[in-house]
C-alpha atoms as a PDB file:
ATOM      1  CA  UNK A   1      -7.661   9.778 -17.469  1.00  0.00           C
ATOM      2  CA  UNK A   2      -6.447   7.993 -20.266  1.00  0.00           C
ATOM      3  CA  UNK A   3      -6.872   4.985 -22.570  1.00  0.00           C
ATOM      4  CA  UNK A   4      -7.556   1.715 -20.955  1.00  0.00           C
ATOM      5  CA  UNK A   5      -5.198  -1.006 -21.034  1.00  0.00           C
ATOM      6  CA  UNK A   6      -5.895  -4.104 -23.698  1.00  0.00           C
ATOM      7  CA  UNK A   7      -6.797  -7.083 -21.755  1.00  0.00           C
ATOM      8  CA  UNK A   8      -3.892  -8.958 -23.388  1.00  0.00           C
ATOM      9  CA  UNK A   9      -1.365  -6.907 -21.498  1.00  0.00           C
ATOM     10  CA  UNK A  10       0.380  -8.430 -18.698  1.00  0.00           C
ATOM     11  CA  UNK A  11      -0.556  -7.689 -14.855  1.00  0.00           C
ATOM     12  CA  UNK A  12       1.567  -5.407 -12.811  1.00  0.00           C
ATOM     13  CA  UNK A  13       2.490  -5.413  -8.885  1.00  0.00           C
ATOM     14  CA  UNK A  14       1.655  -1.953  -7.700  1.00  0.00           C
ATOM     15  CA  UNK A  15       3.403  -1.153  -4.072  1.00  0.00           C
ATOM     16  CA  UNK A  16       2.034   1.816  -2.012  1.00  0.00           C
ATOM     17  CA  UNK A  17       3.093   2.977   1.190  1.00  0.00           C
ATOM     18  CA  UNK A  18       3.378   5.854   3.482  1.00  0.00           C
ATOM     19  CA  UNK A  19       3.110   6.642   6.998  1.00  0.00           C
ATOM     20  CA  UNK A  20       0.238   6.389   9.082  1.00  0.00           C
ATOM     21  CA  UNK A  21      -2.122   9.058   8.398  1.00  0.00           C
ATOM     22  CA  UNK A  22      -0.628  10.503   5.171  1.00  0.00           C
ATOM     23  CA  UNK A  23      -3.825   9.464   3.551  1.00  0.00           C
ATOM     24  CA  UNK A  24      -2.830   6.843   1.556  1.00  0.00           C
ATOM     25  CA  UNK A  25      -6.222   5.051   1.963  1.00  0.00           C
ATOM     26  CA  UNK A  26      -7.709   7.495   0.567  1.00  0.00           C
ATOM     27  CA  UNK A  27      -5.655   7.932  -2.287  1.00  0.00           C
ATOM     28  CA  UNK A  28      -5.871   4.342  -2.857  1.00  0.00           C
ATOM     29  CA  UNK A  29      -9.501   4.059  -3.062  1.00  0.00           C
ATOM     30  CA  UNK A  30     -10.018   7.229  -5.306  1.00  0.00           C
ATOM     31  CA  UNK A  31      -7.090   5.859  -7.637  1.00  0.00           C
ATOM     32  CA  UNK A  32      -9.142   2.503  -8.237  1.00  0.00           C
ATOM     33  CA  UNK A  33     -11.852   4.480  -9.091  1.00  0.00           C
ATOM     34  CA  UNK A  34     -10.605   6.934 -11.336  1.00  0.00           C
ATOM     35  CA  UNK A  35      -7.343   5.311 -12.974  1.00  0.00           C
ATOM     36  CA  UNK A  36      -8.025   3.952 -16.606  1.00  0.00           C
ATOM     37  CA  UNK A  37      -6.274   0.938 -15.802  1.00  0.00           C
ATOM     38  CA  UNK A  38      -7.217  -2.335 -14.486  1.00  0.00           C
ATOM     39  CA  UNK A  39      -6.204  -2.161 -11.248  1.00  0.00           C
ATOM     40  CA  UNK A  40      -7.370  -4.302  -7.992  1.00  0.00           C
ATOM     41  CA  UNK A  41      -6.132  -3.731  -4.607  1.00  0.00           C
ATOM     42  CA  UNK A  42      -5.393  -6.987  -3.096  1.00  0.00           C
ATOM     43  CA  UNK A  43      -7.101  -8.074   0.092  1.00  0.00           C
ATOM     44  CA  UNK A  44      -5.199  -8.589   3.233  1.00  0.00           C
ATOM     45  CA  UNK A  45      -5.542 -11.408   5.656  1.00  0.00           C
ATOM     46  CA  UNK A  46      -5.759 -10.478   9.502  1.00  0.00           C
ATOM     47  CA  UNK A  47      -6.366 -11.946  12.701  1.00  0.00           C
ATOM     48  CA  UNK A  48      -8.132  -8.537  13.693  1.00  0.00           C
ATOM     49  CA  UNK A  49     -11.485  -9.013  14.850  1.00  0.00           C
ATOM     50  CA  UNK A  50     -14.414  -8.904  12.450  1.00  0.00           C
ATOM     51  CA  UNK A  51     -16.183  -5.971  12.902  1.00  0.00           C
ATOM     52  CA  UNK A  52     -20.082  -5.257  11.817  1.00  0.00           C
ATOM     53  CA  UNK A  53     -19.790  -3.013   9.036  1.00  0.00           C
ATOM     54  CA  UNK A  54     -16.619  -5.691   7.323  1.00  0.00           C
ATOM     55  CA  UNK A  55     -17.357  -8.329   4.835  1.00  0.00           C
ATOM     56  CA  UNK A  56     -15.023 -11.236   4.674  1.00  0.00           C
ATOM     57  CA  UNK A  57     -13.174 -11.231   1.424  1.00  0.00           C
ATOM     58  CA  UNK A  58     -13.783  -7.436   0.763  1.00  0.00           C
ATOM     59  CA  UNK A  59     -12.562  -5.778   3.790  1.00  0.00           C
ATOM     60  CA  UNK A  60      -9.986  -8.382   4.655  1.00  0.00           C
ATOM     61  CA  UNK A  61      -9.671 -12.222   4.691  1.00  0.00           C
ATOM     62  CA  UNK A  62     -10.487 -12.736   8.094  1.00  0.00           C
ATOM     63  CA  UNK A  63      -8.111 -15.671  10.064  1.00  0.00           C
ATOM     64  CA  UNK A  64      -7.980 -17.025  13.570  1.00  0.00           C
ATOM     65  CA  UNK A  65      -4.820 -16.823  15.480  1.00  0.00           C
ATOM     66  CA  UNK A  66      -4.084 -20.532  14.468  1.00  0.00           C
ATOM     67  CA  UNK A  67      -5.247 -20.298  10.609  1.00  0.00           C
ATOM     68  CA  UNK A  68      -3.136 -17.524  10.119  1.00  0.00           C
ATOM     69  CA  UNK A  69       0.280 -18.855  11.872  1.00  0.00           C
ATOM     70  CA  UNK A  70      -0.768 -22.506   9.635  1.00  0.00           C
ATOM     71  CA  UNK A  71      -0.647 -20.217   6.741  1.00  0.00           C
ATOM     72  CA  UNK A  72       2.769 -18.550   7.711  1.00  0.00           C
ATOM     73  CA  UNK A  73       4.017 -21.918   8.134  1.00  0.00           C
ATOM     74  CA  UNK A  74       2.760 -23.214   4.624  1.00  0.00           C
ATOM     75  CA  UNK A  75       4.657 -20.097   3.231  1.00  0.00           C
ATOM     76  CA  UNK A  76       1.329 -18.634   2.019  1.00  0.00           C
ATOM     77  CA  UNK A  77       2.185 -15.295   2.366  1.00  0.00           C
ATOM     78  CA  UNK A  78       3.897 -12.651   0.535  1.00  0.00           C
ATOM     79  CA  UNK A  79       4.709 -10.624   3.736  1.00  0.00           C
ATOM     80  CA  UNK A  80       3.187 -10.162   7.063  1.00  0.00           C
ATOM     81  CA  UNK A  81       3.235  -8.651   9.891  1.00  0.00           C
ATOM     82  CA  UNK A  82       2.104  -7.192  13.430  1.00  0.00           C
ATOM     83  CA  UNK A  83       0.786  -3.855  13.536  1.00  0.00           C
ATOM     84  CA  UNK A  84       1.630  -1.367  16.082  1.00  0.00           C
ATOM     85  CA  UNK A  85       1.910  -3.940  18.524  1.00  0.00           C
ATOM     86  CA  UNK A  86      -2.019  -4.408  19.033  1.00  0.00           C
ATOM     87  CA  UNK A  87      -1.285  -8.285  18.737  1.00  0.00           C
ATOM     88  CA  UNK A  88      -3.439  -8.394  15.248  1.00  0.00           C
ATOM     89  CA  UNK A  89      -1.246  -9.688  12.541  1.00  0.00           C
ATOM     90  CA  UNK A  90      -1.796  -8.618   8.929  1.00  0.00           C
ATOM     91  CA  UNK A  91      -0.559 -10.165   5.486  1.00  0.00           C
ATOM     92  CA  UNK A  92      -0.768 -10.572   1.811  1.00  0.00           C
ATOM     93  CA  UNK A  93      -1.351 -13.831   0.337  1.00  0.00           C
ATOM     94  CA  UNK A  94       0.588 -15.047  -2.591  1.00  0.00           C
ATOM     95  CA  UNK A  95      -2.216 -16.574  -4.254  1.00  0.00           C
ATOM     96  CA  UNK A  96      -4.225 -13.474  -4.316  1.00  0.00           C
ATOM     97  CA  UNK A  97      -1.393 -11.814  -5.900  1.00  0.00           C
ATOM     98  CA  UNK A  98      -0.449 -14.226  -8.507  1.00  0.00           C
ATOM     99  CA  UNK A  99      -4.213 -14.756  -9.435  1.00  0.00           C
ATOM    100  CA  UNK A 100      -4.831 -11.284 -10.180  1.00  0.00           C
ATOM    101  CA  UNK A 101      -1.393 -10.634 -12.096  1.00  0.00           C
ATOM    102  CA  UNK A 102      -1.930 -14.041 -14.405  1.00  0.00           C
ATOM    103  CA  UNK A 103      -5.205 -12.655 -15.158  1.00  0.00           C
ATOM    104  CA  UNK A 104      -3.885  -9.206 -16.545  1.00  0.00           C
ATOM    105  CA  UNK A 105      -4.800  -7.216 -13.357  1.00  0.00           C
ATOM    106  CA  UNK A 106      -2.810  -4.213 -11.647  1.00  0.00           C
ATOM    107  CA  UNK A 107      -2.540  -5.837  -8.252  1.00  0.00           C
ATOM    108  CA  UNK A 108      -1.889  -2.652  -5.439  1.00  0.00           C
ATOM    109  CA  UNK A 109      -0.426  -3.551  -2.289  1.00  0.00           C
ATOM    110  CA  UNK A 110      -1.375  -0.764   0.167  1.00  0.00           C
ATOM    111  CA  UNK A 111       1.772  -2.215   2.750  1.00  0.00           C
ATOM    112  CA  UNK A 112       4.480  -0.639   5.108  1.00  0.00           C
ATOM    113  CA  UNK A 113       7.819  -0.159   4.221  1.00  0.00           C
ATOM    114  CA  UNK A 114       9.262  -3.470   5.703  1.00  0.00           C
ATOM    115  CA  UNK A 115       6.645  -5.198   3.771  1.00  0.00           C
ATOM    116  CA  UNK A 116       7.523  -3.520   0.583  1.00  0.00           C
ATOM    117  CA  UNK A 117      11.048  -4.527   1.107  1.00  0.00           C
ATOM    118  CA  UNK A 118      10.078  -8.253   1.550  1.00  0.00           C
ATOM    119  CA  UNK A 119       7.743  -8.272  -1.329  1.00  0.00           C
ATOM    120  CA  UNK A 120      10.435  -6.589  -3.757  1.00  0.00           C
ATOM    121  CA  UNK A 121      12.720  -9.781  -3.025  1.00  0.00           C
ATOM    122  CA  UNK A 122      10.199 -11.465  -4.571  1.00  0.00           C
ATOM    123  CA  UNK A 123       9.010  -8.988  -7.247  1.00  0.00           C
ATOM    124  CA  UNK A 124      11.694  -7.043  -7.888  1.00  0.00           C
ATOM    125  CA  UNK A 125      10.024  -5.317 -10.886  1.00  0.00           C
ATOM    126  CA  UNK A 126       7.008  -3.919  -9.144  1.00  0.00           C
ATOM    127  CA  UNK A 127       5.934  -0.688  -9.505  1.00  0.00           C
ATOM    128  CA  UNK A 128       6.752   1.436  -5.655  1.00  0.00           C
ATOM    129  CA  UNK A 129       5.567   4.321  -4.403  1.00  0.00           C
ATOM    130  CA  UNK A 130       5.756   6.028  -1.488  1.00  0.00           C
ATOM    131  CA  UNK A 131       3.363   8.979  -0.389  1.00  0.00           C
ATOM    132  CA  UNK A 132       5.145  11.757   1.688  1.00  0.00           C
ATOM    133  CA  UNK A 133       3.623  13.971   3.864  1.00  0.00           C
ATOM    134  CA  UNK A 134       5.965  16.472   3.484  1.00  0.00           C
ATOM    135  CA  UNK A 135       7.635  16.439   6.907  1.00  0.00           C
ATOM    136  CA  UNK A 136       7.166  14.838  10.295  1.00  0.00           C
ATOM    137  CA  UNK A 137       5.803  18.313  11.448  1.00  0.00           C
ATOM    138  CA  UNK A 138       2.631  17.935   8.928  1.00  0.00           C
ATOM    139  CA  UNK A 139       2.402  14.592   9.898  1.00  0.00           C
ATOM    140  CA  UNK A 140       1.620  15.481  13.203  1.00  0.00           C
ATOM    141  CA  UNK A 141      -0.802  17.885  12.547  1.00  0.00           C
ATOM    142  CA  UNK A 142      -2.687  15.446  10.557  1.00  0.00           C
ATOM    143  CA  UNK A 143      -2.723  12.990  13.008  1.00  0.00           C
ATOM    144  CA  UNK A 144      -3.577  15.598  15.712  1.00  0.00           C
ATOM    145  CA  UNK A 145      -6.396  17.025  13.454  1.00  0.00           C
ATOM    146  CA  UNK A 146      -8.170  13.183  13.279  1.00  0.00           C
ATOM    147  CA  UNK A 147      -8.611  13.668  17.433  1.00  0.00           C
ATOM    148  CA  UNK A 148      -8.353   9.562  17.628  1.00  0.00           C
ATOM    149  CA  UNK A 149      -4.701   9.429  18.958  1.00  0.00           C
ATOM    150  CA  UNK A 150      -3.689   9.401  22.519  1.00  0.00           C
ATOM    151  CA  UNK A 151      -0.458  11.069  23.588  1.00  0.00           C
ATOM    152  CA  UNK A 152       1.161   7.708  23.806  1.00  0.00           C
ATOM    153  CA  UNK A 153      -0.341   6.298  20.071  1.00  0.00           C
ATOM    154  CA  UNK A 154       0.799   9.530  18.674  1.00  0.00           C
ATOM    155  CA  UNK A 155       4.279   9.294  19.731  1.00  0.00           C
ATOM    156  CA  UNK A 156       4.463   5.829  18.357  1.00  0.00           C
ATOM    157  CA  UNK A 157       3.272   6.533  15.112  1.00  0.00           C
ATOM    158  CA  UNK A 158       5.384   9.428  14.674  1.00  0.00           C
ATOM    159  CA  UNK A 159       8.438   7.371  15.801  1.00  0.00           C
ATOM    160  CA  UNK A 160       7.482   4.858  12.893  1.00  0.00           C
ATOM    161  CA  UNK A 161       6.841   7.169  10.318  1.00  0.00           C
ATOM    162  CA  UNK A 162      10.422   8.261  10.691  1.00  0.00           C
ATOM    163  CA  UNK A 163      11.600   5.277  10.519  1.00  0.00           C
ATOM    164  CA  UNK A 164       9.829   4.862   7.132  1.00  0.00           C
ATOM    165  CA  UNK A 165      10.600   8.037   6.160  1.00  0.00           C
ATOM    166  CA  UNK A 166      14.457   7.277   6.111  1.00  0.00           C
ATOM    167  CA  UNK A 167      13.974   4.300   4.238  1.00  0.00           C
ATOM    168  CA  UNK A 168      12.197   5.179   1.242  1.00  0.00           C
ATOM    169  CA  UNK A 169      15.314   4.600  -1.131  1.00  0.00           C
ATOM    170  CA  UNK A 170      13.604   1.540  -1.627  1.00  0.00           C
ATOM    171  CA  UNK A 171      11.102   2.990  -4.014  1.00  0.00           C
ATOM    172  CA  UNK A 172      11.160   4.355  -7.667  1.00  0.00           C
ATOM    173  CA  UNK A 173       8.505   6.891  -7.028  1.00  0.00           C
ATOM    174  CA  UNK A 174       7.970   9.440  -4.045  1.00  0.00           C
ATOM    175  CA  UNK A 175       4.969  11.552  -4.112  1.00  0.00           C
ATOM    176  CA  UNK A 176       4.104  14.446  -1.862  1.00  0.00           C
ATOM    177  CA  UNK A 177       0.341  14.484  -0.762  1.00  0.00           C
ATOM    178  CA  UNK A 178      -0.603  17.973  -0.849  1.00  0.00           C
ATOM    179  CA  UNK A 179      -4.138  17.650  -2.225  1.00  0.00           C
ATOM    180  CA  UNK A 180      -5.725  14.315  -2.725  1.00  0.00           C
ATOM    181  CA  UNK A 181      -6.950  14.888  -6.380  1.00  0.00           C
ATOM    182  CA  UNK A 182      -3.479  15.961  -7.269  1.00  0.00           C
ATOM    183  CA  UNK A 183      -1.829  12.938  -5.680  1.00  0.00           C
ATOM    184  CA  UNK A 184      -4.375  10.424  -7.175  1.00  0.00           C
ATOM    185  CA  UNK A 185      -4.357  12.279 -10.887  1.00  0.00           C
ATOM    186  CA  UNK A 186       0.076  12.060 -10.399  1.00  0.00           C
ATOM    187  CA  UNK A 187       0.201   8.567  -9.519  1.00  0.00           C
ATOM    188  CA  UNK A 188      -1.996   7.534 -12.263  1.00  0.00           C
ATOM    189  CA  UNK A 189       0.549   9.087 -14.564  1.00  0.00           C
ATOM    190  CA  UNK A 190       3.587   7.447 -13.196  1.00  0.00           C
ATOM    191  CA  UNK A 191       1.503   3.956 -13.741  1.00  0.00           C
ATOM    192  CA  UNK A 192       0.395   4.887 -16.987  1.00  0.00           C
ATOM    193  CA  UNK A 193       4.158   5.817 -17.770  1.00  0.00           C
ATOM    194  CA  UNK A 194       5.286   2.500 -16.095  1.00  0.00           C
ATOM    195  CA  UNK A 195       3.660   0.078 -18.448  1.00  0.00           C
ATOM    196  CA  UNK A 196       6.287   0.281 -21.225  1.00  0.00           C
ATOM    197  CA  UNK A 197       9.277   1.277 -19.232  1.00  0.00           C
ATOM    198  CA  UNK A 198      11.581  -0.799 -17.002  1.00  0.00           C
ATOM    199  CA  UNK A 199      11.738   0.292 -13.400  1.00  0.00           C
ATOM    200  CA  UNK A 200      14.340   3.018 -13.339  1.00  0.00           C
ATOM    201  CA  UNK A 201      15.947   5.142 -10.788  1.00  0.00           C
ATOM    202  CA  UNK A 202      14.213   6.924  -7.579  1.00  0.00           C
ATOM    203  CA  UNK A 203      11.895   9.691  -8.477  1.00  0.00           C
ATOM    204  CA  UNK A 204      10.986  12.360  -6.047  1.00  0.00           C
ATOM    205  CA  UNK A 205       7.295  13.950  -7.137  1.00  0.00           C
ATOM    206  CA  UNK A 206       5.368  16.468  -5.620  1.00  0.00           C
ATOM    207  CA  UNK A 207       1.316  17.650  -6.240  1.00  0.00           C
ATOM    208  CA  UNK A 208       2.640  21.350  -6.127  1.00  0.00           C
END
């Protein structure tokens, strides 16, 4: 997309959030593939059971409940939370982030609004991007289209999404995900601009 960053440049922390169903995982995956910056996705730790297709250290760092709580007690996490009440914990390890930043990487955290607020207390200069569905009605359409939600889980996801959409003021950039390709292009452009710019006021963007 654009000229690659010099390896001597310092790393940056990038926070990308958005409600469940907005397509952020797809956007992040393509962003890592297509944007000419040294982007690296931070691998979260989780207590979720490991699936057959999972690779430890690639998909997640898989921990037992005891190991996770020990690392919480040791202060090893930038942020952590139980997701959707399933009893499984997820968290961002401090050493993963610091190691990447020190090596000049742009470390991408794909986390929720609550986690973003916690990380910003320690890394206030992080580049923050919220991927917006456009409306709750559109998000409902996308979630229903997946065909994986029960009425109860759909209602819960929409409730959480409403809370997240009401808390977007902590983000510098709000990008409406109309198409994945345009959203990836726009986010990459925002990151390129942030290389030599201090954190600024909130900006609302769309891919129209």
